[in-house]
PDB file of N, CA and C in Angstrom:
ATOM      1  N   UNK A   1      27.610 398.320 -47.443  1.00  0.00           N
ATOM      2  CA  UNK A   1      27.260 399.569 -47.633  1.00  0.00           C
ATOM      3  C   UNK A   1      28.372 399.943 -46.248  1.00  0.00           C
ATOM      4  N   UNK A   2      28.218 399.287 -45.122  1.00  0.00           N
ATOM      5  CA  UNK A   2      28.554 399.531 -44.410  1.00  0.00           C
ATOM      6  C   UNK A   2      30.368 399.591 -44.179  1.00  0.00           C
ATOM      7  N   UNK A   3      30.821 398.664 -45.081  1.00  0.00           N
ATOM      8  CA  UNK A   3      32.040 398.814 -45.443  1.00  0.00           C
ATOM      9  C   UNK A   3      32.806 399.373 -46.552  1.00  0.00           C
ATOM     10  N   UNK A   4      31.958 400.192 -47.130  1.00  0.00           N
ATOM     11  CA  UNK A   4      31.771 401.061 -48.369  1.00  0.00           C
ATOM     12  C   UNK A   4      32.899 402.585 -47.183  1.00  0.00           C
ATOM     13  N   UNK A   5      31.677 402.284 -45.635  1.00  0.00           N
ATOM     14  CA  UNK A   5      32.150 403.605 -45.162  1.00  0.00           C
ATOM     15  C   UNK A   5      32.998 403.490 -44.369  1.00  0.00           C
ATOM     16  N   UNK A   6      33.086 402.131 -43.832  1.00  0.00           N
ATOM     17  CA  UNK A   6      34.405 401.793 -42.747  1.00  0.00           C
ATOM     18  C   UNK A   6      35.630 402.200 -43.872  1.00  0.00           C
ATOM     19  N   UNK A   7      35.714 401.977 -45.180  1.00  0.00           N
ATOM     20  CA  UNK A   7      36.500 402.286 -45.771  1.00  0.00           C
ATOM     21  C   UNK A   7      37.584 403.015 -46.047  1.00  0.00           C
ATOM     22  N   UNK A   8      36.490 404.322 -45.828  1.00  0.00           N
ATOM     23  CA  UNK A   8      36.403 405.633 -45.615  1.00  0.00           C
ATOM     24  C   UNK A   8      37.096 406.346 -44.669  1.00  0.00           C
ATOM     25  N   UNK A   9      37.211 406.153 -43.850  1.00  0.00           N
ATOM     26  CA  UNK A   9      37.140 405.911 -42.314  1.00  0.00           C
ATOM     27  C   UNK A   9      38.136 406.677 -42.145  1.00  0.00           C
ATOM     28  N   UNK A  10      38.166 407.812 -41.484  1.00  0.00           N
ATOM     29  CA  UNK A  10      39.978 407.855 -41.047  1.00  0.00           C
ATOM     30  C   UNK A  10      40.301 408.153 -39.886  1.00  0.00           C
ATOM     31  N   UNK A  11      41.191 407.352 -39.389  1.00  0.00           N
ATOM     32  CA  UNK A  11      41.767 406.123 -38.112  1.00  0.00           C
ATOM     33  C   UNK A  11      42.898 407.168 -37.765  1.00  0.00           C
ATOM     34  N   UNK A  12      42.974 407.695 -36.547  1.00  0.00           N
ATOM     35  CA  UNK A  12      43.724 408.297 -36.086  1.00  0.00           C
ATOM     36  C   UNK A  12      44.437 407.786 -34.534  1.00  0.00           C
ATOM     37  N   UNK A  13      45.174 408.153 -33.442  1.00  0.00           N
ATOM     38  CA  UNK A  13      45.355 407.832 -32.248  1.00  0.00           C
ATOM     39  C   UNK A  13      44.607 408.791 -31.705  1.00  0.00           C
ATOM     40  N   UNK A  14      44.007 408.272 -30.399  1.00  0.00           N
ATOM     41  CA  UNK A  14      43.544 408.491 -29.238  1.00  0.00           C
ATOM     42  C   UNK A  14      44.136 410.048 -28.543  1.00  0.00           C
ATOM     43  N   UNK A  15      43.528 410.463 -27.910  1.00  0.00           N
ATOM     44  CA  UNK A  15      43.790 411.844 -27.425  1.00  0.00           C
ATOM     45  C   UNK A  15      44.026 411.144 -25.730  1.00  0.00           C
ATOM     46  N   UNK A  16      44.910 411.835 -24.867  1.00  0.00           N
ATOM     47  CA  UNK A  16      44.882 411.672 -23.531  1.00  0.00           C
ATOM     48  C   UNK A  16      43.331 411.352 -23.304  1.00  0.00           C
ATOM     49  N   UNK A  17      43.106 412.482 -23.101  1.00  0.00           N
ATOM     50  CA  UNK A  17      41.548 412.548 -22.662  1.00  0.00           C
ATOM     51  C   UNK A  17      40.292 411.622 -22.876  1.00  0.00           C
ATOM     52  N   UNK A  18      40.999 411.227 -24.079  1.00  0.00           N
ATOM     53  CA  UNK A  18      39.969 410.590 -24.949  1.00  0.00           C
ATOM     54  C   UNK A  18      40.371 408.531 -24.576  1.00  0.00           C
ATOM     55  N   UNK A  19      41.755 408.668 -23.804  1.00  0.00           N
ATOM     56  CA  UNK A  19      41.974 407.037 -23.095  1.00  0.00           C
ATOM     57  C   UNK A  19      41.512 407.600 -21.652  1.00  0.00           C
ATOM     58  N   UNK A  20      41.595 408.168 -21.304  1.00  0.00           N
ATOM     59  CA  UNK A  20      41.245 408.675 -19.498  1.00  0.00           C
ATOM     60  C   UNK A  20      39.898 407.802 -19.659  1.00  0.00           C
ATOM     61  N   UNK A  21      39.021 408.553 -20.415  1.00  0.00           N
ATOM     62  CA  UNK A  21      37.607 408.351 -20.478  1.00  0.00           C
ATOM     63  C   UNK A  21      36.943 407.369 -20.718  1.00  0.00           C
ATOM     64  N   UNK A  22      38.032 406.502 -21.744  1.00  0.00           N
ATOM     65  CA  UNK A  22      37.340 405.009 -22.578  1.00  0.00           C
ATOM     66  C   UNK A  22      37.963 404.258 -20.866  1.00  0.00           C
ATOM     67  N   UNK A  23      39.410 404.749 -20.171  1.00  0.00           N
ATOM     68  CA  UNK A  23      39.575 403.806 -19.473  1.00  0.00           C
ATOM     69  C   UNK A  23      38.433 403.709 -17.982  1.00  0.00           C
ATOM     70  N   UNK A  24      38.210 404.838 -18.305  1.00  0.00           N
ATOM     71  CA  UNK A  24      36.917 405.029 -16.664  1.00  0.00           C
ATOM     72  C   UNK A  24      35.644 404.671 -17.033  1.00  0.00           C
ATOM     73  N   UNK A  25      35.608 404.427 -18.525  1.00  0.00           N
ATOM     74  CA  UNK A  25      34.216 403.540 -18.677  1.00  0.00           C
ATOM     75  C   UNK A  25      34.134 402.031 -18.737  1.00  0.00           C
ATOM     76  N   UNK A  26      35.425 401.893 -18.941  1.00  0.00           N
ATOM     77  CA  UNK A  26      35.879 400.396 -18.973  1.00  0.00           C
ATOM     78  C   UNK A  26      35.901 399.740 -16.781  1.00  0.00           C
ATOM     79  N   UNK A  27      36.967 400.890 -16.292  1.00  0.00           N
ATOM     80  CA  UNK A  27      36.534 400.698 -15.044  1.00  0.00           C
ATOM     81  C   UNK A  27      35.152 400.221 -14.716  1.00  0.00           C
ATOM     82  N   UNK A  28      34.082 401.801 -14.791  1.00  0.00           N
ATOM     83  CA  UNK A  28      32.906 401.849 -13.653  1.00  0.00           C
ATOM     84  C   UNK A  28      32.127 401.067 -14.895  1.00  0.00           C
ATOM     85  N   UNK A  29      31.731 400.965 -15.711  1.00  0.00           N
ATOM     86  CA  UNK A  29      30.893 400.629 -16.788  1.00  0.00           C
ATOM     87  C   UNK A  29      30.189 401.978 -17.838  1.00  0.00           C
ATOM     88  N   UNK A  30      29.408 401.905 -18.410  1.00  0.00           N
ATOM     89  CA  UNK A  30      28.375 403.266 -19.186  1.00  0.00           C
ATOM     90  C   UNK A  30      27.635 403.554 -18.251  1.00  0.00           C
ATOM     91  N   UNK A  31      28.294 405.104 -18.058  1.00  0.00           N
ATOM     92  CA  UNK A  31      27.431 405.695 -17.104  1.00  0.00           C
ATOM     93  C   UNK A  31      27.405 407.047 -18.255  1.00  0.00           C
ATOM     94  N   UNK A  32      26.466 408.071 -17.672  1.00  0.00           N
ATOM     95  CA  UNK A  32      25.954 409.342 -18.129  1.00  0.00           C
ATOM     96  C   UNK A  32      26.485 410.213 -17.992  1.00  0.00           C
ATOM     97  N   UNK A  33      27.623 410.441 -16.765  1.00  0.00           N
ATOM     98  CA  UNK A  33      28.550 411.353 -15.973  1.00  0.00           C
ATOM     99  C   UNK A  33      28.605 412.805 -17.306  1.00  0.00           C
ATOM    100  N   UNK A  34      29.009 411.714 -18.136  1.00  0.00           N
ATOM    101  CA  UNK A  34      29.411 413.317 -19.456  1.00  0.00           C
ATOM    102  C   UNK A  34      28.320 413.075 -20.316  1.00  0.00           C
ATOM    103  N   UNK A  35      27.277 412.873 -19.845  1.00  0.00           N
ATOM    104  CA  UNK A  35      26.003 413.313 -21.205  1.00  0.00           C
ATOM    105  C   UNK A  35      25.338 414.268 -20.848  1.00  0.00           C
ATOM    106  N   UNK A  36      25.327 414.977 -21.705  1.00  0.00           N
ATOM    107  CA  UNK A  36      24.389 416.299 -21.276  1.00  0.00           C
ATOM    108  C   UNK A  36      22.960 416.145 -21.792  1.00  0.00           C
ATOM    109  N   UNK A  37      22.112 415.724 -21.741  1.00  0.00           N
ATOM    110  CA  UNK A  37      20.824 415.250 -22.289  1.00  0.00           C
ATOM    111  C   UNK A  37      19.553 416.865 -21.937  1.00  0.00           C
ATOM    112  N   UNK A  38      18.677 416.495 -22.965  1.00  0.00           N
ATOM    113  CA  UNK A  38      17.680 417.214 -22.523  1.00  0.00           C
ATOM    114  C   UNK A  38      16.602 417.156 -23.565  1.00  0.00           C
ATOM    115  N   UNK A  39      15.471 417.516 -23.170  1.00  0.00           N
ATOM    116  CA  UNK A  39      13.674 417.442 -23.700  1.00  0.00           C
ATOM    117  C   UNK A  39      13.455 418.091 -23.884  1.00  0.00           C
ATOM    118  N   UNK A  40      12.826 418.240 -25.688  1.00  0.00           N
ATOM    119  CA  UNK A  40      11.866 419.395 -25.798  1.00  0.00           C
ATOM    120  C   UNK A  40      10.665 419.003 -26.029  1.00  0.00           C
ATOM    121  N   UNK A  41       9.526 419.968 -25.058  1.00  0.00           N
ATOM    122  CA  UNK A  41       8.123 419.075 -26.050  1.00  0.00           C
ATOM    123  C   UNK A  41       7.617 420.082 -27.352  1.00  0.00           C
ATOM    124  N   UNK A  42       7.077 419.378 -27.933  1.00  0.00           N
ATOM    125  CA  UNK A  42       7.036 419.921 -29.872  1.00  0.00           C
ATOM    126  C   UNK A  42       5.133 420.303 -29.969  1.00  0.00           C
ATOM    127  N   UNK A  43       4.720 421.616 -29.620  1.00  0.00           N
ATOM    128  CA  UNK A  43       3.271 421.160 -30.079  1.00  0.00           C
ATOM    129  C   UNK A  43       3.341 421.861 -31.405  1.00  0.00           C
ATOM    130  N   UNK A  44       1.854 421.031 -32.283  1.00  0.00           N
ATOM    131  CA  UNK A  44       1.529 421.666 -33.236  1.00  0.00           C
ATOM    132  C   UNK A  44       2.159 420.372 -34.337  1.00  0.00           C
ATOM    133  N   UNK A  45       2.034 420.416 -35.727  1.00  0.00           N
ATOM    134  CA  UNK A  45       2.049 419.364 -36.654  1.00  0.00           C
ATOM    135  C   UNK A  45       3.942 419.240 -36.545  1.00  0.00           C
ATOM    136  N   UNK A  46       4.378 418.252 -36.753  1.00  0.00           N
ATOM    137  CA  UNK A  46       5.784 418.317 -36.787  1.00  0.00           C
ATOM    138  C   UNK A  46       6.199 417.710 -38.214  1.00  0.00           C
ATOM    139  N   UNK A  47       7.265 418.792 -38.568  1.00  0.00           N
ATOM    140  CA  UNK A  47       7.616 418.138 -39.898  1.00  0.00           C
ATOM    141  C   UNK A  47       8.937 417.125 -39.995  1.00  0.00           C
ATOM    142  N   UNK A  48       8.627 416.252 -40.143  1.00  0.00           N
ATOM    143  CA  UNK A  48       9.975 415.098 -39.647  1.00  0.00           C
ATOM    144  C   UNK A  48      10.810 415.209 -40.538  1.00  0.00           C
ATOM    145  N   UNK A  49      10.471 415.518 -42.046  1.00  0.00           N
ATOM    146  CA  UNK A  49      11.433 415.404 -43.011  1.00  0.00           C
ATOM    147  C   UNK A  49      12.255 416.577 -42.502  1.00  0.00           C
ATOM    148  N   UNK A  50      12.233 417.701 -42.830  1.00  0.00           N
ATOM    149  CA  UNK A  50      12.731 418.881 -42.229  1.00  0.00           C
ATOM    150  C   UNK A  50      13.668 418.579 -40.971  1.00  0.00           C
ATOM    151  N   UNK A  51      12.870 417.803 -40.044  1.00  0.00           N
ATOM    152  CA  UNK A  51      13.609 417.277 -38.782  1.00  0.00           C
ATOM    153  C   UNK A  51      15.004 416.827 -38.925  1.00  0.00           C
ATOM    154  N   UNK A  52      14.834 415.412 -39.686  1.00  0.00           N
ATOM    155  CA  UNK A  52      15.520 414.718 -39.795  1.00  0.00           C
ATOM    156  C   UNK A  52      16.923 415.345 -40.559  1.00  0.00           C
ATOM    157  N   UNK A  53      16.121 416.219 -41.513  1.00  0.00           N
ATOM    158  CA  UNK A  53      17.505 416.933 -42.532  1.00  0.00           C
ATOM    159  C   UNK A  53      18.421 418.104 -41.269  1.00  0.00           C
ATOM    160  N   UNK A  54      17.608 418.921 -40.573  1.00  0.00           N
ATOM    161  CA  UNK A  54      18.686 419.061 -39.422  1.00  0.00           C
ATOM    162  C   UNK A  54      19.714 418.012 -38.900  1.00  0.00           C
ATOM    163  N   UNK A  55      19.231 417.203 -38.229  1.00  0.00           N
ATOM    164  CA  UNK A  55      19.976 416.226 -37.367  1.00  0.00           C
ATOM    165  C   UNK A  55      20.938 416.113 -38.455  1.00  0.00           C
ATOM    166  N   UNK A  56      20.607 415.422 -39.643  1.00  0.00           N
ATOM    167  CA  UNK A  56      21.450 415.088 -40.265  1.00  0.00           C
ATOM    168  C   UNK A  56      22.950 416.446 -40.693  1.00  0.00           C
ATOM    169  N   UNK A  57      22.293 417.023 -40.828  1.00  0.00           N
ATOM    170  CA  UNK A  57      23.173 418.387 -41.196  1.00  0.00           C
ATOM    171  C   UNK A  57      24.432 418.572 -39.772  1.00  0.00           C
ATOM    172  N   UNK A  58      23.658 418.644 -38.769  1.00  0.00           N
ATOM    173  CA  UNK A  58      24.181 418.602 -37.092  1.00  0.00           C
ATOM    174  C   UNK A  58      25.150 417.560 -37.123  1.00  0.00           C
ATOM    175  N   UNK A  59      24.845 416.422 -37.595  1.00  0.00           N
ATOM    176  CA  UNK A  59      25.997 415.237 -37.073  1.00  0.00           C
ATOM    177  C   UNK A  59      27.216 415.125 -38.495  1.00  0.00           C
ATOM    178  N   UNK A  60      26.736 415.610 -39.770  1.00  0.00           N
ATOM    179  CA  UNK A  60      27.665 415.826 -40.815  1.00  0.00           C
ATOM    180  C   UNK A  60      29.115 416.972 -40.487  1.00  0.00           C
ATOM    181  N   UNK A  61      28.310 418.330 -39.777  1.00  0.00           N
ATOM    182  CA  UNK A  61      29.210 419.158 -39.892  1.00  0.00           C
ATOM    183  C   UNK A  61      30.057 419.099 -37.856  1.00  0.00           C
ATOM    184  N   UNK A  62      29.819 417.989 -37.056  1.00  0.00           N
ATOM    185  CA  UNK A  62      30.635 417.704 -36.226  1.00  0.00           C
ATOM    186  C   UNK A  62      31.080 415.672 -36.328  1.00  0.00           C
ATOM    187  N   UNK A  63      32.623 416.129 -36.240  1.00  0.00           N
ATOM    188  CA  UNK A  63      32.868 414.644 -36.495  1.00  0.00           C
ATOM    189  C   UNK A  63      32.547 413.974 -34.986  1.00  0.00           C
ATOM    190  N   UNK A  64      32.715 414.280 -34.134  1.00  0.00           N
ATOM    191  CA  UNK A  64      32.614 413.933 -32.549  1.00  0.00           C
ATOM    192  C   UNK A  64      31.428 412.820 -32.682  1.00  0.00           C
ATOM    193  N   UNK A  65      30.127 413.445 -33.597  1.00  0.00           N
ATOM    194  CA  UNK A  65      28.787 412.437 -33.471  1.00  0.00           C
ATOM    195  C   UNK A  65      28.930 411.389 -34.618  1.00  0.00           C
ATOM    196  N   UNK A  66      30.431 411.678 -35.309  1.00  0.00           N
ATOM    197  CA  UNK A  66      30.232 410.205 -36.164  1.00  0.00           C
ATOM    198  C   UNK A  66      31.847 409.445 -35.966  1.00  0.00           C
ATOM    199  N   UNK A  67      32.373 409.198 -34.976  1.00  0.00           N
ATOM    200  CA  UNK A  67      33.546 409.103 -34.187  1.00  0.00           C
ATOM    201  C   UNK A  67      33.281 407.573 -33.274  1.00  0.00           C
ATOM    202  N   UNK A  68      34.162 406.696 -33.644  1.00  0.00           N
ATOM    203  CA  UNK A  68      33.880 405.356 -32.386  1.00  0.00           C
ATOM    204  C   UNK A  68      35.211 405.185 -31.879  1.00  0.00           C
ATOM    205  N   UNK A  69      35.039 403.980 -30.997  1.00  0.00           N
ATOM    206  CA  UNK A  69      36.964 404.475 -31.061  1.00  0.00           C
ATOM    207  C   UNK A  69      36.909 402.598 -31.162  1.00  0.00           C
ATOM    208  N   UNK A  70      37.871 402.147 -31.061  1.00  0.00           N
ATOM    209  CA  UNK A  70      38.214 400.767 -31.480  1.00  0.00           C
ATOM    210  C   UNK A  70      40.167 400.062 -30.787  1.00  0.00           C
ATOM    211  N   UNK A  71      40.166 399.718 -30.260  1.00  0.00           N
ATOM    212  CA  UNK A  71      41.448 399.113 -29.634  1.00  0.00           C
ATOM    213  C   UNK A  71      41.544 398.300 -30.349  1.00  0.00           C
ATOM    214  N   UNK A  72      43.368 398.169 -30.572  1.00  0.00           N
ATOM    215  CA  UNK A  72      44.201 397.759 -31.200  1.00  0.00           C
ATOM    216  C   UNK A  72      45.322 397.181 -30.584  1.00  0.00           C
ATOM    217  N   UNK A  73      45.375 396.147 -30.359  1.00  0.00           N
ATOM    218  CA  UNK A  73      46.512 395.881 -29.026  1.00  0.00           C
ATOM    219  C   UNK A  73      46.093 396.629 -28.022  1.00  0.00           C
ATOM    220  N   UNK A  74      47.442 397.394 -27.130  1.00  0.00           N
ATOM    221  CA  UNK A  74      47.291 398.439 -26.640  1.00  0.00           C
ATOM    222  C   UNK A  74      47.286 400.038 -27.030  1.00  0.00           C
ATOM    223  N   UNK A  75      46.869 399.982 -28.388  1.00  0.00           N
ATOM    224  CA  UNK A  75      46.608 401.170 -29.017  1.00  0.00           C
ATOM    225  C   UNK A  75      44.868 401.348 -28.989  1.00  0.00           C
ATOM    226  N   UNK A  76      44.655 402.481 -28.276  1.00  0.00           N
ATOM    227  CA  UNK A  76      43.018 402.882 -28.867  1.00  0.00           C
ATOM    228  C   UNK A  76      43.085 404.208 -30.195  1.00  0.00           C
ATOM    229  N   UNK A  77      42.463 403.683 -30.579  1.00  0.00           N
ATOM    230  CA  UNK A  77      41.783 404.876 -31.516  1.00  0.00           C
ATOM    231  C   UNK A  77      40.640 405.130 -32.106  1.00  0.00           C
ATOM    232  N   UNK A  78      40.988 406.882 -32.892  1.00  0.00           N
ATOM    233  CA  UNK A  78      39.647 407.046 -33.038  1.00  0.00           C
ATOM    234  C   UNK A  78      39.689 406.880 -34.926  1.00  0.00           C
ATOM    235  N   UNK A  79      37.647 406.583 -34.877  1.00  0.00           N
ATOM    236  CA  UNK A  79      37.311 405.839 -36.391  1.00  0.00           C
ATOM    237  C   UNK A  79      36.694 406.994 -36.469  1.00  0.00           C
ATOM    238  N   UNK A  80      36.868 407.992 -37.467  1.00  0.00           N
ATOM    239  CA  UNK A  80      35.905 408.941 -38.067  1.00  0.00           C
ATOM    240  C   UNK A  80      35.520 408.669 -39.034  1.00  0.00           C
ATOM    241  N   UNK A  81      33.887 408.317 -38.749  1.00  0.00           N
ATOM    242  CA  UNK A  81      33.249 407.963 -40.388  1.00  0.00           C
ATOM    243  C   UNK A  81      33.083 409.096 -41.470  1.00  0.00           C
ATOM    244  N   UNK A  82      32.996 409.096 -42.501  1.00  0.00           N
ATOM    245  CA  UNK A  82      32.639 410.609 -43.769  1.00  0.00           C
ATOM    246  C   UNK A  82      31.600 410.972 -43.508  1.00  0.00           C
ATOM    247  N   UNK A  83      30.763 409.555 -43.118  1.00  0.00           N
ATOM    248  CA  UNK A  83      29.041 410.300 -43.249  1.00  0.00           C
ATOM    249  C   UNK A  83      28.487 409.175 -42.275  1.00  0.00           C
ATOM    250  N   UNK A  84      27.569 409.599 -41.566  1.00  0.00           N
ATOM    251  CA  UNK A  84      26.585 408.862 -40.706  1.00  0.00           C
ATOM    252  C   UNK A  84      25.147 408.912 -41.154  1.00  0.00           C
ATOM    253  N   UNK A  85      24.023 408.411 -40.850  1.00  0.00           N
ATOM    254  CA  UNK A  85      22.543 408.936 -40.820  1.00  0.00           C
ATOM    255  C   UNK A  85      22.696 408.367 -39.610  1.00  0.00           C
ATOM    256  N   UNK A  86      21.307 409.429 -38.805  1.00  0.00           N
ATOM    257  CA  UNK A  86      21.012 409.019 -37.830  1.00  0.00           C
ATOM    258  C   UNK A  86      19.299 409.192 -37.876  1.00  0.00           C
ATOM    259  N   UNK A  87      18.692 407.976 -38.052  1.00  0.00           N
ATOM    260  CA  UNK A  87      17.088 408.062 -37.768  1.00  0.00           C
ATOM    261  C   UNK A  87      16.445 408.412 -36.575  1.00  0.00           C
ATOM    262  N   UNK A  88      15.640 408.935 -37.333  1.00  0.00           N
ATOM    263  CA  UNK A  88      14.622 409.343 -35.651  1.00  0.00           C
ATOM    264  C   UNK A  88      13.966 408.229 -36.003  1.00  0.00           C
ATOM    265  N   UNK A  89      13.326 407.724 -35.002  1.00  0.00           N
ATOM    266  CA  UNK A  89      12.721 406.720 -34.539  1.00  0.00           C
ATOM    267  C   UNK A  89      11.142 407.463 -33.812  1.00  0.00           C
ATOM    268  N   UNK A  90       9.451 407.117 -34.160  1.00  0.00           N
ATOM    269  CA  UNK A  90       8.832 407.648 -33.877  1.00  0.00           C
ATOM    270  C   UNK A  90       8.208 406.793 -32.562  1.00  0.00           C
ATOM    271  N   UNK A  91       7.483 406.770 -31.389  1.00  0.00           N
ATOM    272  CA  UNK A  91       7.066 406.385 -30.894  1.00  0.00           C
ATOM    273  C   UNK A  91       5.644 406.892 -30.636  1.00  0.00           C
ATOM    274  N   UNK A  92       4.397 406.500 -31.130  1.00  0.00           N
ATOM    275  CA  UNK A  92       3.170 406.693 -30.782  1.00  0.00           C
ATOM    276  C   UNK A  92       2.660 406.084 -29.504  1.00  0.00           C
ATOM    277  N   UNK A  93       2.436 407.126 -28.594  1.00  0.00           N
ATOM    278  CA  UNK A  93       2.099 406.156 -27.148  1.00  0.00           C
ATOM    279  C   UNK A  93       0.567 406.227 -27.227  1.00  0.00           C
ATOM    280  N   UNK A  94      -0.851 406.423 -27.980  1.00  0.00           N
ATOM    281  CA  UNK A  94      -1.815 406.338 -27.524  1.00  0.00           C
ATOM    282  C   UNK A  94      -2.537 405.268 -26.721  1.00  0.00           C
ATOM    283  N   UNK A  95      -1.941 403.797 -25.913  1.00  0.00           N
ATOM    284  CA  UNK A  95      -1.941 403.736 -25.358  1.00  0.00           C
ATOM    285  C   UNK A  95      -1.938 404.146 -23.966  1.00  0.00           C
ATOM    286  N   UNK A  96      -0.674 404.902 -23.676  1.00  0.00           N
ATOM    287  CA  UNK A  96      -0.803 405.666 -22.348  1.00  0.00           C
ATOM    288  C   UNK A  96      -1.273 407.098 -22.297  1.00  0.00           C
ATOM    289  N   UNK A  97      -1.807 406.953 -20.655  1.00  0.00           N
ATOM    290  CA  UNK A  97      -2.957 407.938 -20.307  1.00  0.00           C
ATOM    291  C   UNK A  97      -1.966 409.946 -20.313  1.00  0.00           C
ATOM    292  N   UNK A  98      -2.607 410.408 -20.925  1.00  0.00           N
ATOM    293  CA  UNK A  98      -2.147 411.666 -21.613  1.00  0.00           C
ATOM    294  C   UNK A  98      -1.307 412.359 -20.408  1.00  0.00           C
ATOM    295  N   UNK A  99      -2.201 412.371 -18.991  1.00  0.00           N
ATOM    296  CA  UNK A  99      -1.030 413.112 -18.439  1.00  0.00           C
ATOM    297  C   UNK A  99       0.920 412.707 -17.660  1.00  0.00           C
ATOM    298  N   UNK A 100       0.641 411.346 -18.282  1.00  0.00           N
ATOM    299  CA  UNK A 100       2.161 410.558 -18.565  1.00  0.00           C
ATOM    300  C   UNK A 100       2.296 410.350 -19.515  1.00  0.00           C
ATOM    301  N   UNK A 101       2.242 410.894 -20.809  1.00  0.00           N
ATOM    302  CA  UNK A 101       2.810 410.505 -22.108  1.00  0.00           C
ATOM    303  C   UNK A 101       4.781 411.292 -22.223  1.00  0.00           C
ATOM    304  N   UNK A 102       4.671 412.473 -21.623  1.00  0.00           N
ATOM    305  CA  UNK A 102       5.474 413.291 -21.510  1.00  0.00           C
ATOM    306  C   UNK A 102       6.754 412.265 -20.661  1.00  0.00           C
ATOM    307  N   UNK A 103       6.256 411.886 -19.599  1.00  0.00           N
ATOM    308  CA  UNK A 103       7.286 411.327 -18.122  1.00  0.00           C
ATOM    309  C   UNK A 103       7.400 409.827 -19.287  1.00  0.00           C
ATOM    310  N   UNK A 104       7.203 409.179 -20.015  1.00  0.00           N
ATOM    311  CA  UNK A 104       7.461 408.140 -20.703  1.00  0.00           C
ATOM    312  C   UNK A 104       8.193 408.280 -21.667  1.00  0.00           C
ATOM    313  N   UNK A 105       7.744 409.260 -22.663  1.00  0.00           N
ATOM    314  CA  UNK A 105       8.527 409.820 -23.712  1.00  0.00           C
ATOM    315  C   UNK A 105      10.484 409.950 -23.050  1.00  0.00           C
TER     316      UNK A 105
END
C-alpha cells in the first residue's frame, strides 16, 4: 500500500525557504516555532465519522499537509503524496480527575 502511494508521489526540488527551515531544523532540532496550534472544547455528542471525513477533506485539499522532505545527496526534495489518511485517535480519560482532563488532553 505505501509503495503504491510513493510510486504516485510527485517529487520536486524544495524552495529556498523550505531549505532554510530544513537547515534550522537540523541545526536546532525539532521545535514548534513555526507551528500554530489550538484546541477546541467539544461538548455534546461527537460525530466521529463526520469529523474524520472533514479532516480527510482538509488533507486532500492542501498538499502541504501531504508533503514530506527527502535528502538525496545535496538536494532536498519535496515528496507530495497523492493521498494521505490522517486517522483520529481517541483517548478516553476516565481515570483523570474531571477538572484536569482538559489540561491533560
